[in-house]
């Protein structure tokens, strides 16, 4: 019987969830290279959430400078942050950028902890 991992265990080794044990070494190496690090899109978004109140995804992307970055899929990164429990929806609000109703999120305790570790 294996010990169940805590959220902090999972966040400490996020690349383990990006590949299977039977994948090639190159796949495992690639997974490690996309793990969250300072300056990555996810880290930039997490930084914005750590220093802001309730934001929609597009507002966070705008503040992080990702709306104008060619090829950037900021909406996927925000979704990833929610799936990883680093930000969480708390309400909906009208986006200042689109004028449309959007989910609005805040950073979680796990997100704050990871933000502090990344920005040491």
PDB file of N, CA and C in Angstrom:
ATOM      1  N   UNK A   1       0.839  -1.168   0.000  1.00  0.00           N
ATOM      2  CA  UNK A   1       0.000   0.000   0.000  1.00  0.00           C
ATOM      3  C   UNK A   1       0.892   1.241   0.000  1.00  0.00           C
ATOM      4  N   UNK A   2       0.651   2.151  -0.933  1.00  0.00           N
ATOM      5  CA  UNK A   2       1.490   3.347  -1.032  1.00  0.00           C
ATOM      6  C   UNK A   2       0.902   4.485  -0.211  1.00  0.00           C
ATOM      7  N   UNK A   3       1.797   5.324   0.281  1.00  0.00           N
ATOM      8  CA  UNK A   3       1.388   6.474   1.071  1.00  0.00           C
ATOM      9  C   UNK A   3       0.739   7.507   0.156  1.00  0.00           C
ATOM     10  N   UNK A   4      -0.427   8.042   0.543  1.00  0.00           N
ATOM     11  CA  UNK A   4      -1.088   9.062  -0.252  1.00  0.00           C
ATOM     12  C   UNK A   4      -0.307  10.362  -0.132  1.00  0.00           C
ATOM     13  N   UNK A   5      -0.051  11.019  -1.264  1.00  0.00           N
ATOM     14  CA  UNK A   5       0.708  12.253  -1.268  1.00  0.00           C
ATOM     15  C   UNK A   5      -0.191  13.432  -0.924  1.00  0.00           C
ATOM     16  N   UNK A   6       0.402  14.409  -0.243  1.00  0.00           N
ATOM     17  CA  UNK A   6      -0.313  15.641   0.036  1.00  0.00           C
ATOM     18  C   UNK A   6      -0.205  16.556  -1.168  1.00  0.00           C
ATOM     19  N   UNK A   7      -0.969  17.644  -1.171  1.00  0.00           N
ATOM     20  CA  UNK A   7      -0.892  18.622  -2.243  1.00  0.00           C
ATOM     21  C   UNK A   7       0.517  19.178  -2.356  1.00  0.00           C
ATOM     22  N   UNK A   8       1.190  19.403  -1.226  1.00  0.00           N
ATOM     23  CA  UNK A   8       2.541  19.955  -1.259  1.00  0.00           C
ATOM     24  C   UNK A   8       3.538  18.952  -1.851  1.00  0.00           C
ATOM     25  N   UNK A   9       3.327  17.654  -1.616  1.00  0.00           N
ATOM     26  CA  UNK A   9       4.165  16.641  -2.255  1.00  0.00           C
ATOM     27  C   UNK A   9       3.994  16.693  -3.767  1.00  0.00           C
ATOM     28  N   UNK A  10       2.757  16.826  -4.210  1.00  0.00           N
ATOM     29  CA  UNK A  10       2.482  16.875  -5.640  1.00  0.00           C
ATOM     30  C   UNK A  10       3.072  18.125  -6.279  1.00  0.00           C
ATOM     31  N   UNK A  11       2.988  19.259  -5.589  1.00  0.00           N
ATOM     32  CA  UNK A  11       3.526  20.502  -6.138  1.00  0.00           C
ATOM     33  C   UNK A  11       5.044  20.486  -6.188  1.00  0.00           C
ATOM     34  N   UNK A  12       5.659  19.757  -5.279  1.00  0.00           N
ATOM     35  CA  UNK A  12       7.118  19.708  -5.242  1.00  0.00           C
ATOM     36  C   UNK A  12       7.676  18.934  -6.426  1.00  0.00           C
ATOM     37  N   UNK A  13       6.880  18.018  -6.985  1.00  0.00           N
ATOM     38  CA  UNK A  13       7.344  17.223  -8.127  1.00  0.00           C
ATOM     39  C   UNK A  13       6.267  17.177  -9.208  1.00  0.00           C
ATOM     40  N   UNK A  14       5.870  18.338  -9.757  1.00  0.00           N
ATOM     41  CA  UNK A  14       4.761  18.353 -10.714  1.00  0.00           C
ATOM     42  C   UNK A  14       5.053  17.587 -11.995  1.00  0.00           C
ATOM     43  N   UNK A  15       6.314  17.419 -12.363  1.00  0.00           N
ATOM     44  CA  UNK A  15       6.629  16.728 -13.604  1.00  0.00           C
ATOM     45  C   UNK A  15       6.242  15.255 -13.569  1.00  0.00           C
ATOM     46  N   UNK A  16       6.081  14.667 -12.376  1.00  0.00           N
ATOM     47  CA  UNK A  16       5.704  13.257 -12.282  1.00  0.00           C
ATOM     48  C   UNK A  16       4.336  12.993 -12.899  1.00  0.00           C
ATOM     49  N   UNK A  17       3.494  14.015 -12.966  1.00  0.00           N
ATOM     50  CA  UNK A  17       2.154  13.847 -13.511  1.00  0.00           C
ATOM     51  C   UNK A  17       2.108  14.126 -15.007  1.00  0.00           C
ATOM     52  N   UNK A  18       3.242  14.452 -15.602  1.00  0.00           N
ATOM     53  CA  UNK A  18       3.289  14.795 -17.010  1.00  0.00           C
ATOM     54  C   UNK A  18       3.792  13.652 -17.886  1.00  0.00           C
ATOM     55  N   UNK A  19       4.148  12.543 -17.289  1.00  0.00           N
ATOM     56  CA  UNK A  19       4.601  11.401 -18.062  1.00  0.00           C
ATOM     57  C   UNK A  19       4.259  10.115 -17.319  1.00  0.00           C
ATOM     58  N   UNK A  20       4.294   9.009 -18.063  1.00  0.00           N
ATOM     59  CA  UNK A  20       4.058   7.686 -17.477  1.00  0.00           C
ATOM     60  C   UNK A  20       5.395   7.010 -17.211  1.00  0.00           C
ATOM     61  N   UNK A  21       5.396   6.058 -16.302  1.00  0.00           N
ATOM     62  CA  UNK A  21       6.631   5.344 -15.975  1.00  0.00           C
ATOM     63  C   UNK A  21       7.231   4.635 -17.186  1.00  0.00           C
ATOM     64  N   UNK A  22       6.385   4.223 -18.132  1.00  0.00           N
ATOM     65  CA  UNK A  22       6.900   3.503 -19.298  1.00  0.00           C
ATOM     66  C   UNK A  22       7.250   4.414 -20.475  1.00  0.00           C
ATOM     67  N   UNK A  23       7.188   5.744 -20.289  1.00  0.00           N
ATOM     68  CA  UNK A  23       7.585   6.687 -21.338  1.00  0.00           C
ATOM     69  C   UNK A  23       9.097   6.658 -21.535  1.00  0.00           C
ATOM     70  N   UNK A  24       9.518   7.107 -22.704  1.00  0.00           N
ATOM     71  CA  UNK A  24      10.942   7.206 -23.016  1.00  0.00           C
ATOM     72  C   UNK A  24      11.596   8.272 -22.144  1.00  0.00           C
ATOM     73  N   UNK A  25      12.901   8.153 -21.971  1.00  0.00           N
ATOM     74  CA  UNK A  25      13.646   9.126 -21.163  1.00  0.00           C
ATOM     75  C   UNK A  25      13.489  10.545 -21.687  1.00  0.00           C
ATOM     76  N   UNK A  26      13.375  10.702 -23.009  1.00  0.00           N
ATOM     77  CA  UNK A  26      13.223  12.048 -23.573  1.00  0.00           C
ATOM     78  C   UNK A  26      11.896  12.677 -23.149  1.00  0.00           C
ATOM     79  N   UNK A  27      10.850  11.867 -23.035  1.00  0.00           N
ATOM     80  CA  UNK A  27       9.555  12.371 -22.578  1.00  0.00           C
ATOM     81  C   UNK A  27       9.634  12.811 -21.117  1.00  0.00           C
ATOM     82  N   UNK A  28      10.328  12.022 -20.316  1.00  0.00           N
ATOM     83  CA  UNK A  28      10.493  12.362 -18.901  1.00  0.00           C
ATOM     84  C   UNK A  28      11.315  13.640 -18.755  1.00  0.00           C
ATOM     85  N   UNK A  29      12.355  13.788 -19.558  1.00  0.00           N
ATOM     86  CA  UNK A  29      13.188  14.999 -19.505  1.00  0.00           C
ATOM     87  C   UNK A  29      12.380  16.212 -19.940  1.00  0.00           C
ATOM     88  N   UNK A  30      11.547  16.055 -20.962  1.00  0.00           N
ATOM     89  CA  UNK A  30      10.705  17.151 -21.427  1.00  0.00           C
ATOM     90  C   UNK A  30       9.714  17.579 -20.375  1.00  0.00           C
ATOM     91  N   UNK A  31       9.160  16.635 -19.643  1.00  0.00           N
ATOM     92  CA  UNK A  31       8.212  16.954 -18.573  1.00  0.00           C
ATOM     93  C   UNK A  31       8.885  17.787 -17.495  1.00  0.00           C
ATOM     94  N   UNK A  32      10.116  17.430 -17.154  1.00  0.00           N
ATOM     95  CA  UNK A  32      10.838  18.194 -16.143  1.00  0.00           C
ATOM     96  C   UNK A  32      11.129  19.608 -16.622  1.00  0.00           C
ATOM     97  N   UNK A  33      11.347  19.787 -17.917  1.00  0.00           N
ATOM     98  CA  UNK A  33      11.686  21.112 -18.435  1.00  0.00           C
ATOM     99  C   UNK A  33      10.492  22.048 -18.441  1.00  0.00           C
ATOM    100  N   UNK A  34       9.252  21.513 -18.391  1.00  0.00           N
ATOM    101  CA  UNK A  34       8.079  22.389 -18.381  1.00  0.00           C
ATOM    102  C   UNK A  34       7.508  22.576 -16.975  1.00  0.00           C
ATOM    103  N   UNK A  35       8.149  21.996 -15.966  1.00  0.00           N
ATOM    104  CA  UNK A  35       7.704  22.199 -14.591  1.00  0.00           C
ATOM    105  C   UNK A  35       7.782  23.697 -14.268  1.00  0.00           C
ATOM    106  N   UNK A  36       6.942  24.152 -13.362  1.00  0.00           N
ATOM    107  CA  UNK A  36       6.881  25.579 -13.078  1.00  0.00           C
ATOM    108  C   UNK A  36       8.212  26.104 -12.571  1.00  0.00           C
ATOM    109  N   UNK A  37       8.620  27.200 -13.165  1.00  0.00           N
ATOM    110  CA  UNK A  37       9.848  27.866 -12.754  1.00  0.00           C
ATOM    111  C   UNK A  37       9.637  29.370 -12.893  1.00  0.00           C
ATOM    112  N   UNK A  38      10.483  30.125 -12.256  1.00  0.00           N
ATOM    113  CA  UNK A  38      10.398  31.575 -12.303  1.00  0.00           C
ATOM    114  C   UNK A  38      10.446  32.051 -13.749  1.00  0.00           C
ATOM    115  N   UNK A  39       9.549  32.943 -14.120  1.00  0.00           N
ATOM    116  CA  UNK A  39       9.515  33.479 -15.473  1.00  0.00           C
ATOM    117  C   UNK A  39       8.615  32.727 -16.430  1.00  0.00           C
ATOM    118  N   UNK A  40       8.147  31.536 -16.044  1.00  0.00           N
ATOM    119  CA  UNK A  40       7.237  30.796 -16.910  1.00  0.00           C
ATOM    120  C   UNK A  40       5.873  31.488 -16.916  1.00  0.00           C
ATOM    121  N   UNK A  41       5.039  31.163 -17.885  1.00  0.00           N
ATOM    122  CA  UNK A  41       3.712  31.771 -17.965  1.00  0.00           C
ATOM    123  C   UNK A  41       2.913  31.508 -16.692  1.00  0.00           C
ATOM    124  N   UNK A  42       2.954  30.275 -16.204  1.00  0.00           N
ATOM    125  CA  UNK A  42       2.212  29.954 -14.983  1.00  0.00           C
ATOM    126  C   UNK A  42       2.752  30.733 -13.792  1.00  0.00           C
ATOM    127  N   UNK A  43       4.071  30.873 -13.700  1.00  0.00           N
ATOM    128  CA  UNK A  43       4.663  31.624 -12.588  1.00  0.00           C
ATOM    129  C   UNK A  43       4.296  33.104 -12.682  1.00  0.00           C
ATOM    130  N   UNK A  44       4.292  33.655 -13.892  1.00  0.00           N
ATOM    131  CA  UNK A  44       3.907  35.055 -14.074  1.00  0.00           C
ATOM    132  C   UNK A  44       2.456  35.272 -13.650  1.00  0.00           C
ATOM    133  N   UNK A  45       1.579  34.361 -14.050  1.00  0.00           N
ATOM    134  CA  UNK A  45       0.171  34.462 -13.652  1.00  0.00           C
ATOM    135  C   UNK A  45       0.008  34.302 -12.147  1.00  0.00           C
ATOM    136  N   UNK A  46       0.716  33.345 -11.570  1.00  0.00           N
ATOM    137  CA  UNK A  46       0.640  33.129 -10.125  1.00  0.00           C
ATOM    138  C   UNK A  46       1.095  34.376  -9.373  1.00  0.00           C
ATOM    139  N   UNK A  47       2.126  35.038  -9.876  1.00  0.00           N
ATOM    140  CA  UNK A  47       2.617  36.276  -9.268  1.00  0.00           C
ATOM    141  C   UNK A  47       1.542  37.354  -9.286  1.00  0.00           C
ATOM    142  N   UNK A  48       0.827  37.467 -10.396  1.00  0.00           N
ATOM    143  CA  UNK A  48      -0.254  38.456 -10.497  1.00  0.00           C
ATOM    144  C   UNK A  48      -1.345  38.141  -9.475  1.00  0.00           C
ATOM    145  N   UNK A  49      -1.737  36.879  -9.389  1.00  0.00           N
ATOM    146  CA  UNK A  49      -2.766  36.505  -8.416  1.00  0.00           C
ATOM    147  C   UNK A  49      -2.296  36.734  -6.981  1.00  0.00           C
ATOM    148  N   UNK A  50      -1.021  36.551  -6.719  1.00  0.00           N
ATOM    149  CA  UNK A  50      -0.487  36.749  -5.367  1.00  0.00           C
ATOM    150  C   UNK A  50      -0.510  38.221  -4.968  1.00  0.00           C
ATOM    151  N   UNK A  51      -0.515  39.096  -5.953  1.00  0.00           N
ATOM    152  CA  UNK A  51      -0.451  40.531  -5.674  1.00  0.00           C
ATOM    153  C   UNK A  51      -1.726  41.270  -6.071  1.00  0.00           C
ATOM    154  N   UNK A  52      -2.824  40.539  -6.194  1.00  0.00           N
ATOM    155  CA  UNK A  52      -4.079  41.138  -6.639  1.00  0.00           C
ATOM    156  C   UNK A  52      -5.253  40.584  -5.846  1.00  0.00           C
ATOM    157  N   UNK A  53      -6.368  41.235  -6.040  1.00  0.00           N
ATOM    158  CA  UNK A  53      -7.617  40.741  -5.469  1.00  0.00           C
ATOM    159  C   UNK A  53      -8.218  39.747  -6.462  1.00  0.00           C
ATOM    160  N   UNK A  54      -9.493  39.720  -6.581  1.00  0.00           N
ATOM    161  CA  UNK A  54     -10.217  38.794  -7.453  1.00  0.00           C
ATOM    162  C   UNK A  54     -10.039  39.215  -8.915  1.00  0.00           C
ATOM    163  N   UNK A  55      -9.581  38.280  -9.753  1.00  0.00           N
ATOM    164  CA  UNK A  55      -9.321  38.573 -11.166  1.00  0.00           C
ATOM    165  C   UNK A  55      -9.948  37.531 -12.079  1.00  0.00           C
ATOM    166  N   UNK A  56     -10.338  37.970 -13.269  1.00  0.00           N
ATOM    167  CA  UNK A  56     -10.700  37.025 -14.323  1.00  0.00           C
ATOM    168  C   UNK A  56      -9.395  36.574 -14.981  1.00  0.00           C
ATOM    169  N   UNK A  57      -9.471  35.501 -15.757  1.00  0.00           N
ATOM    170  CA  UNK A  57      -8.271  35.002 -16.430  1.00  0.00           C
ATOM    171  C   UNK A  57      -7.668  36.054 -17.353  1.00  0.00           C
ATOM    172  N   UNK A  58      -8.524  36.749 -18.117  1.00  0.00           N
ATOM    173  CA  UNK A  58      -7.987  37.728 -19.054  1.00  0.00           C
ATOM    174  C   UNK A  58      -7.378  38.932 -18.340  1.00  0.00           C
ATOM    175  N   UNK A  59      -7.933  39.310 -17.195  1.00  0.00           N
ATOM    176  CA  UNK A  59      -7.337  40.405 -16.419  1.00  0.00           C
ATOM    177  C   UNK A  59      -5.962  39.991 -15.878  1.00  0.00           C
ATOM    178  N   UNK A  60      -5.862  38.751 -15.398  1.00  0.00           N
ATOM    179  CA  UNK A  60      -4.573  38.261 -14.903  1.00  0.00           C
ATOM    180  C   UNK A  60      -3.551  38.208 -16.034  1.00  0.00           C
ATOM    181  N   UNK A  61      -3.974  37.725 -17.199  1.00  0.00           N
ATOM    182  CA  UNK A  61      -3.074  37.653 -18.348  1.00  0.00           C
ATOM    183  C   UNK A  61      -2.617  39.041 -18.776  1.00  0.00           C
ATOM    184  N   UNK A  62      -3.520  40.005 -18.745  1.00  0.00           N
ATOM    185  CA  UNK A  62      -3.165  41.377 -19.105  1.00  0.00           C
ATOM    186  C   UNK A  62      -2.121  41.932 -18.141  1.00  0.00           C
ATOM    187  N   UNK A  63      -2.343  41.760 -16.848  1.00  0.00           N
ATOM    188  CA  UNK A  63      -1.396  42.261 -15.836  1.00  0.00           C
ATOM    189  C   UNK A  63      -0.048  41.549 -15.910  1.00  0.00           C
ATOM    190  N   UNK A  64      -0.054  40.300 -16.355  1.00  0.00           N
ATOM    191  CA  UNK A  64       1.196  39.534 -16.482  1.00  0.00           C
ATOM    192  C   UNK A  64       1.911  39.816 -17.800  1.00  0.00           C
ATOM    193  N   UNK A  65       1.284  40.592 -18.680  1.00  0.00           N
ATOM    194  CA  UNK A  65       1.885  40.900 -19.972  1.00  0.00           C
ATOM    195  C   UNK A  65       1.762  39.777 -20.993  1.00  0.00           C
ATOM    196  N   UNK A  66       0.842  38.844 -20.748  1.00  0.00           N
ATOM    197  CA  UNK A  66       0.719  37.681 -21.622  1.00  0.00           C
ATOM    198  C   UNK A  66      -0.290  37.864 -22.750  1.00  0.00           C
ATOM    199  N   UNK A  67      -1.170  38.865 -22.649  1.00  0.00           N
ATOM    200  CA  UNK A  67      -2.162  39.069 -23.708  1.00  0.00           C
ATOM    201  C   UNK A  67      -1.492  39.423 -25.034  1.00  0.00           C
ATOM    202  N   UNK A  68      -0.380  40.106 -24.978  1.00  0.00           N
ATOM    203  CA  UNK A  68       0.293  40.572 -26.195  1.00  0.00           C
ATOM    204  C   UNK A  68       1.433  39.646 -26.622  1.00  0.00           C
ATOM    205  N   UNK A  69       1.657  38.578 -25.900  1.00  0.00           N
ATOM    206  CA  UNK A  69       2.757  37.661 -26.223  1.00  0.00           C
ATOM    207  C   UNK A  69       2.302  36.682 -27.301  1.00  0.00           C
ATOM    208  N   UNK A  70       2.916  36.717 -28.487  1.00  0.00           N
ATOM    209  CA  UNK A  70       2.512  35.819 -29.576  1.00  0.00           C
ATOM    210  C   UNK A  70       2.622  34.346 -29.173  1.00  0.00           C
ATOM    211  N   UNK A  71       1.607  33.582 -29.530  1.00  0.00           N
ATOM    212  CA  UNK A  71       1.635  32.147 -29.272  1.00  0.00           C
ATOM    213  C   UNK A  71       1.379  31.749 -27.837  1.00  0.00           C
ATOM    214  N   UNK A  72       1.084  32.710 -26.997  1.00  0.00           N
ATOM    215  CA  UNK A  72       0.851  32.423 -25.583  1.00  0.00           C
ATOM    216  C   UNK A  72      -0.580  31.923 -25.384  1.00  0.00           C
ATOM    217  N   UNK A  73      -0.730  30.827 -24.702  1.00  0.00           N
ATOM    218  CA  UNK A  73      -2.058  30.265 -24.400  1.00  0.00           C
ATOM    219  C   UNK A  73      -2.363  30.482 -22.925  1.00  0.00           C
ATOM    220  N   UNK A  74      -2.455  31.740 -22.530  1.00  0.00           N
ATOM    221  CA  UNK A  74      -2.647  32.084 -21.128  1.00  0.00           C
ATOM    222  C   UNK A  74      -3.892  31.445 -20.541  1.00  0.00           C
ATOM    223  N   UNK A  75      -4.954  31.244 -21.298  1.00  0.00           N
ATOM    224  CA  UNK A  75      -6.188  30.642 -20.780  1.00  0.00           C
ATOM    225  C   UNK A  75      -5.938  29.200 -20.347  1.00  0.00           C
ATOM    226  N   UNK A  76      -5.050  28.505 -21.052  1.00  0.00           N
ATOM    227  CA  UNK A  76      -4.688  27.141 -20.640  1.00  0.00           C
ATOM    228  C   UNK A  76      -3.883  27.168 -19.340  1.00  0.00           C
ATOM    229  N   UNK A  77      -2.978  28.111 -19.222  1.00  0.00           N
ATOM    230  CA  UNK A  77      -2.164  28.207 -18.005  1.00  0.00           C
ATOM    231  C   UNK A  77      -3.046  28.533 -16.799  1.00  0.00           C
ATOM    232  N   UNK A  78      -4.035  29.413 -16.975  1.00  0.00           N
ATOM    233  CA  UNK A  78      -4.962  29.704 -15.867  1.00  0.00           C
ATOM    234  C   UNK A  78      -5.752  28.451 -15.495  1.00  0.00           C
ATOM    235  N   UNK A  79      -6.189  27.711 -16.502  1.00  0.00           N
ATOM    236  CA  UNK A  79      -6.897  26.453 -16.255  1.00  0.00           C
ATOM    237  C   UNK A  79      -5.994  25.475 -15.512  1.00  0.00           C
ATOM    238  N   UNK A  80      -4.719  25.401 -15.914  1.00  0.00           N
ATOM    239  CA  UNK A  80      -3.757  24.529 -15.227  1.00  0.00           C
ATOM    240  C   UNK A  80      -3.623  24.930 -13.759  1.00  0.00           C
ATOM    241  N   UNK A  81      -3.545  26.229 -13.494  1.00  0.00           N
ATOM    242  CA  UNK A  81      -3.416  26.709 -12.106  1.00  0.00           C
ATOM    243  C   UNK A  81      -4.627  26.292 -11.281  1.00  0.00           C
ATOM    244  N   UNK A  82      -5.825  26.354 -11.870  1.00  0.00           N
ATOM    245  CA  UNK A  82      -7.028  25.907 -11.151  1.00  0.00           C
ATOM    246  C   UNK A  82      -6.983  24.407 -10.902  1.00  0.00           C
ATOM    247  N   UNK A  83      -6.626  23.634 -11.924  1.00  0.00           N
ATOM    248  CA  UNK A  83      -6.567  22.171 -11.785  1.00  0.00           C
ATOM    249  C   UNK A  83      -5.556  21.752 -10.716  1.00  0.00           C
ATOM    250  N   UNK A  84      -4.476  22.515 -10.584  1.00  0.00           N
ATOM    251  CA  UNK A  84      -3.440  22.205  -9.608  1.00  0.00           C
ATOM    252  C   UNK A  84      -3.756  22.770  -8.221  1.00  0.00           C
ATOM    253  N   UNK A  85      -4.901  23.431  -8.075  1.00  0.00           N
ATOM    254  CA  UNK A  85      -5.311  23.968  -6.779  1.00  0.00           C
ATOM    255  C   UNK A  85      -4.534  25.205  -6.348  1.00  0.00           C
ATOM    256  N   UNK A  86      -3.952  25.918  -7.308  1.00  0.00           N
ATOM    257  CA  UNK A  86      -3.138  27.093  -6.981  1.00  0.00           C
ATOM    258  C   UNK A  86      -3.934  28.387  -7.026  1.00  0.00           C
ATOM    259  N   UNK A  87      -5.000  28.407  -7.835  1.00  0.00           N
ATOM    260  CA  UNK A  87      -5.991  29.481  -7.805  1.00  0.00           C
ATOM    261  C   UNK A  87      -7.356  28.806  -7.766  1.00  0.00           C
ATOM    262  N   UNK A  88      -8.355  29.535  -7.298  1.00  0.00           N
ATOM    263  CA  UNK A  88      -9.693  28.954  -7.193  1.00  0.00           C
ATOM    264  C   UNK A  88     -10.747  30.001  -7.514  1.00  0.00           C
ATOM    265  N   UNK A  89     -11.783  29.567  -8.203  1.00  0.00           N
ATOM    266  CA  UNK A  89     -12.891  30.463  -8.508  1.00  0.00           C
ATOM    267  C   UNK A  89     -13.643  30.790  -7.229  1.00  0.00           C
ATOM    268  N   UNK A  90     -13.934  32.071  -7.036  1.00  0.00           N
ATOM    269  CA  UNK A  90     -14.696  32.493  -5.864  1.00  0.00           C
ATOM    270  C   UNK A  90     -15.999  33.178  -6.246  1.00  0.00           C
ATOM    271  N   UNK A  91     -16.091  33.664  -7.477  1.00  0.00           N
ATOM    272  CA  UNK A  91     -17.283  34.372  -7.924  1.00  0.00           C
ATOM    273  C   UNK A  91     -17.223  34.514  -9.434  1.00  0.00           C
ATOM    274  N   UNK A  92     -18.137  35.264  -9.973  1.00  0.00           N
ATOM    275  CA  UNK A  92     -18.059  35.697 -11.361  1.00  0.00           C
ATOM    276  C   UNK A  92     -18.101  37.212 -11.350  1.00  0.00           C
ATOM    277  N   UNK A  93     -17.565  37.819 -12.386  1.00  0.00           N
ATOM    278  CA  UNK A  93     -17.627  39.270 -12.505  1.00  0.00           C
ATOM    279  C   UNK A  93     -17.485  39.656 -13.962  1.00  0.00           C
ATOM    280  N   UNK A  94     -17.822  40.881 -14.253  1.00  0.00           N
ATOM    281  CA  UNK A  94     -17.685  41.391 -15.607  1.00  0.00           C
ATOM    282  C   UNK A  94     -16.230  41.745 -15.843  1.00  0.00           C
ATOM    283  N   UNK A  95     -15.655  41.171 -16.883  1.00  0.00           N
ATOM    284  CA  UNK A  95     -14.266  41.441 -17.228  1.00  0.00           C
ATOM    285  C   UNK A  95     -14.113  42.892 -17.652  1.00  0.00           C
ATOM    286  N   UNK A  96     -13.102  43.553 -17.146  1.00  0.00           N
ATOM    287  CA  UNK A  96     -12.817  44.929 -17.535  1.00  0.00           C
ATOM    288  C   UNK A  96     -12.334  44.995 -18.979  1.00  0.00           C
ATOM    289  N   UNK A  97     -11.837  43.889 -19.503  1.00  0.00           N
ATOM    290  CA  UNK A  97     -11.309  43.871 -20.871  1.00  0.00           C
ATOM    291  C   UNK A  97     -12.355  43.535 -21.926  1.00  0.00           C
ATOM    292  N   UNK A  98     -13.245  42.595 -21.616  1.00  0.00           N
ATOM    293  CA  UNK A  98     -14.208  42.140 -22.613  1.00  0.00           C
ATOM    294  C   UNK A  98     -15.622  42.636 -22.362  1.00  0.00           C
ATOM    295  N   UNK A  99     -15.909  43.038 -21.130  1.00  0.00           N
ATOM    296  CA  UNK A  99     -17.268  43.442 -20.782  1.00  0.00           C
ATOM    297  C   UNK A  99     -18.207  42.262 -20.593  1.00  0.00           C
ATOM    298  N   UNK A 100     -17.671  41.049 -20.653  1.00  0.00           N
ATOM    299  CA  UNK A 100     -18.473  39.837 -20.499  1.00  0.00           C
ATOM    300  C   UNK A 100     -18.302  39.244 -19.113  1.00  0.00           C
ATOM    301  N   UNK A 101     -19.317  38.509 -18.691  1.00  0.00           N
ATOM    302  CA  UNK A 101     -19.273  37.830 -17.397  1.00  0.00           C
ATOM    303  C   UNK A 101     -18.279  36.676 -17.470  1.00  0.00           C
ATOM    304  N   UNK A 102     -17.358  36.617 -16.521  1.00  0.00           N
ATOM    305  CA  UNK A 102     -16.321  35.589 -16.486  1.00  0.00           C
ATOM    306  C   UNK A 102     -16.169  35.059 -15.060  1.00  0.00           C
ATOM    307  N   UNK A 103     -15.611  33.854 -14.930  1.00  0.00           N
ATOM    308  CA  UNK A 103     -15.270  33.371 -13.595  1.00  0.00           C
ATOM    309  C   UNK A 103     -14.143  34.248 -13.067  1.00  0.00           C
ATOM    310  N   UNK A 104     -14.138  34.438 -11.767  1.00  0.00           N
ATOM    311  CA  UNK A 104     -13.101  35.253 -11.131  1.00  0.00           C
ATOM    312  C   UNK A 104     -12.456  34.420 -10.030  1.00  0.00           C
ATOM    313  N   UNK A 105     -11.135  34.495  -9.954  1.00  0.00           N
ATOM    314  CA  UNK A 105     -10.368  33.625  -9.070  1.00  0.00           C
ATOM    315  C   UNK A 105      -9.468  34.411  -8.130  1.00  0.00           C
ATOM    316  N   UNK A 106      -9.038  33.719  -7.086  1.00  0.00           N
ATOM    317  CA  UNK A 106      -8.032  34.226  -6.151  1.00  0.00           C
ATOM    318  C   UNK A 106      -6.992  33.128  -5.964  1.00  0.00           C
ATOM    319  N   UNK A 107      -5.846  33.516  -5.470  1.00  0.00           N
ATOM    320  CA  UNK A 107      -4.792  32.543  -5.184  1.00  0.00           C
ATOM    321  C   UNK A 107      -5.165  31.764  -3.918  1.00  0.00           C
ATOM    322  N   UNK A 108      -4.814  30.501  -3.875  1.00  0.00           N
ATOM    323  CA  UNK A 108      -5.074  29.660  -2.704  1.00  0.00           C
ATOM    324  C   UNK A 108      -3.842  29.664  -1.792  1.00  0.00           C
ATOM    325  N   UNK A 109      -3.969  29.049  -0.634  1.00  0.00           N
ATOM    326  CA  UNK A 109      -2.819  28.921   0.271  1.00  0.00           C
ATOM    327  C   UNK A 109      -1.693  28.131  -0.396  1.00  0.00           C
ATOM    328  N   UNK A 110      -2.055  27.075  -1.123  1.00  0.00           N
ATOM    329  CA  UNK A 110      -1.040  26.291  -1.830  1.00  0.00           C
ATOM    330  C   UNK A 110      -0.363  27.153  -2.900  1.00  0.00           C
ATOM    331  N   UNK A 111      -1.142  27.997  -3.566  1.00  0.00           N
ATOM    332  CA  UNK A 111      -0.583  28.894  -4.562  1.00  0.00           C
ATOM    333  C   UNK A 111       0.366  29.903  -3.952  1.00  0.00           C
ATOM    334  N   UNK A 112      -0.005  30.436  -2.794  1.00  0.00           N
ATOM    335  CA  UNK A 112       0.881  31.392  -2.103  1.00  0.00           C
ATOM    336  C   UNK A 112       2.183  30.731  -1.682  1.00  0.00           C
ATOM    337  N   UNK A 113       2.095  29.503  -1.188  1.00  0.00           N
ATOM    338  CA  UNK A 113       3.300  28.783  -0.772  1.00  0.00           C
ATOM    339  C   UNK A 113       4.224  28.555  -1.965  1.00  0.00           C
ATOM    340  N   UNK A 114       3.665  28.103  -3.085  1.00  0.00           N
ATOM    341  CA  UNK A 114       4.479  27.888  -4.276  1.00  0.00           C
ATOM    342  C   UNK A 114       5.046  29.206  -4.787  1.00  0.00           C
ATOM    343  N   UNK A 115       4.258  30.243  -4.771  1.00  0.00           N
ATOM    344  CA  UNK A 115       4.727  31.573  -5.191  1.00  0.00           C
ATOM    345  C   UNK A 115       5.920  32.008  -4.365  1.00  0.00           C
ATOM    346  N   UNK A 116       5.860  31.795  -3.052  1.00  0.00           N
ATOM    347  CA  UNK A 116       6.981  32.169  -2.185  1.00  0.00           C
ATOM    348  C   UNK A 116       8.222  31.336  -2.515  1.00  0.00           C
ATOM    349  N   UNK A 117       8.046  30.045  -2.784  1.00  0.00           N
ATOM    350  CA  UNK A 117       9.194  29.192  -3.108  1.00  0.00           C
ATOM    351  C   UNK A 117       9.840  29.590  -4.429  1.00  0.00           C
ATOM    352  N   UNK A 118       9.025  29.909  -5.420  1.00  0.00           N
ATOM    353  CA  UNK A 118       9.538  30.287  -6.736  1.00  0.00           C
ATOM    354  C   UNK A 118      10.310  31.606  -6.655  1.00  0.00           C
ATOM    355  N   UNK A 119       9.825  32.503  -5.812  1.00  0.00           N
ATOM    356  CA  UNK A 119      10.390  33.862  -5.767  1.00  0.00           C
ATOM    357  C   UNK A 119      11.378  34.084  -4.628  1.00  0.00           C
ATOM    358  N   UNK A 120      11.948  33.009  -4.101  1.00  0.00           N
ATOM    359  CA  UNK A 120      12.956  33.144  -3.027  1.00  0.00           C
ATOM    360  C   UNK A 120      14.148  33.884  -3.522  1.00  0.00           C
TER     361      UNK A 120
END
